């Protein structure tokens, strides 16, 4: 399997952080994150959020995300992806700058 890209990392983060993926996949994700500063920031932010949520009592936990919250999360991920691609010098058409 080739080294996962940021989008693949994003899709598997929950399982990765819970160590529910096969060890070889976790190793590949570890390697990617170690070489990708934007992913490091994103993973650390998610870890902190998960840790804070673990401390909440059941009655303090928020209701499931509504449509606009999911939309905001998707927008944030797309912005993250655009910024990462800009750092790599990748243009919209896929050619390098």
Protein backbone atom coordinates (compact mmCIF):
# COMPACT_ATOMS: atom_id res chain seq x y z
CA UNK A 1 0.00 0.00 0.00
CA UNK A 2 1.28 3.47 -0.81
CA UNK A 3 1.75 6.16 1.80
CA UNK A 4 -1.70 7.61 2.69
CA UNK A 5 -2.44 11.16 1.68
CA UNK A 6 -3.98 13.78 3.98
CA UNK A 7 -7.53 13.03 2.85
CA UNK A 8 -7.10 9.34 3.63
CA UNK A 9 -5.61 10.26 7.01
CA UNK A 10 -8.58 12.51 7.74
CA UNK A 11 -11.01 9.72 6.87
CA UNK A 12 -9.31 7.26 9.24
CA UNK A 13 -8.41 9.56 12.14
CA UNK A 14 -11.03 8.36 14.57
CA UNK A 15 -10.10 4.71 14.08
CA UNK A 16 -6.39 5.64 14.20
CA UNK A 17 -6.67 7.55 17.45
CA UNK A 18 -8.65 4.70 18.99
CA UNK A 19 -6.02 2.23 17.65
CA UNK A 20 -8.71 0.25 15.82
CA UNK A 21 -6.74 0.03 12.57
CA UNK A 22 -4.32 -2.76 11.67
CA UNK A 23 -0.79 -2.09 12.97
CA UNK A 24 0.65 -1.63 9.47
CA UNK A 25 -1.93 1.08 8.69
CA UNK A 26 -1.19 2.82 12.01
CA UNK A 27 2.53 2.72 11.12
CA UNK A 28 1.83 4.30 7.71
CA UNK A 29 -0.30 7.01 9.30
CA UNK A 30 2.39 7.66 11.94
CA UNK A 31 4.96 8.05 9.16
CA UNK A 32 2.73 10.44 7.19
CA UNK A 33 1.89 12.56 10.22
CA UNK A 34 5.57 12.73 11.17
CA UNK A 35 6.36 14.32 7.81
CA UNK A 36 3.29 16.56 7.44
CA UNK A 37 3.10 19.60 9.76
CA UNK A 38 -0.54 20.43 8.85
CA UNK A 39 -1.59 16.88 9.75
CA UNK A 40 0.37 17.10 13.01
CA UNK A 41 -1.57 20.23 13.94
CA UNK A 42 -4.89 18.68 12.96
CA UNK A 43 -4.27 15.42 14.84
CA UNK A 44 -3.11 17.22 17.98
CA UNK A 45 -6.19 19.44 17.89
CA UNK A 46 -8.44 16.40 17.51
CA UNK A 47 -6.66 14.56 20.34
CA UNK A 48 -7.15 17.54 22.65
CA UNK A 49 -10.83 17.76 21.70
CA UNK A 50 -11.33 14.06 22.34
CA UNK A 51 -9.61 14.32 25.72
CA UNK A 52 -11.82 17.24 26.73
CA UNK A 53 -14.95 15.37 25.65
CA UNK A 54 -13.99 12.30 27.69
CA UNK A 55 -14.17 14.43 30.83
CA UNK A 56 -17.73 15.61 30.14
CA UNK A 57 -20.61 14.09 32.04
CA UNK A 58 -23.32 12.59 29.88
CA UNK A 59 -25.71 15.49 30.52
CA UNK A 60 -23.01 18.00 29.49
CA UNK A 61 -22.35 16.44 26.09
CA UNK A 62 -23.75 18.32 23.11
CA UNK A 63 -26.47 16.92 20.88
CA UNK A 64 -25.39 15.38 17.56
CA UNK A 65 -24.04 17.84 15.01
CA UNK A 66 -26.63 19.55 12.94
CA UNK A 67 -26.38 20.04 9.20
CA UNK A 68 -24.74 23.49 9.45
CA UNK A 69 -22.10 22.20 11.87
CA UNK A 70 -21.22 19.35 9.51
CA UNK A 71 -21.04 21.86 6.68
CA UNK A 72 -18.64 23.99 8.74
CA UNK A 73 -16.44 20.95 9.41
CA UNK A 74 -16.34 20.12 5.71
CA UNK A 75 -15.42 23.72 4.89
CA UNK A 76 -12.63 23.67 7.47
CA UNK A 77 -11.25 20.44 6.00
CA UNK A 78 -11.38 21.87 2.47
CA UNK A 79 -9.54 24.98 3.65
CA UNK A 80 -6.96 22.75 5.36
CA UNK A 81 -6.50 20.83 2.09
CA UNK A 82 -6.16 23.99 0.00
CA UNK A 83 -3.55 25.41 2.38
CA UNK A 84 -1.61 22.18 2.34
CA UNK A 85 -1.69 22.04 -1.45
CA UNK A 86 -0.58 25.67 -1.63
CA UNK A 87 2.37 24.80 0.62
CA UNK A 88 3.31 22.05 -1.81
CA UNK A 89 2.99 24.42 -4.78
CA UNK A 90 0.18 22.47 -6.36
CA UNK A 91 -2.15 24.45 -8.58
CA UNK A 92 -5.85 23.71 -9.05
CA UNK A 93 -5.16 21.94 -12.36
CA UNK A 94 -2.76 19.58 -10.66
CA UNK A 95 0.46 20.95 -12.11
CA UNK A 96 3.24 22.20 -9.91
CA UNK A 97 4.05 25.87 -9.55
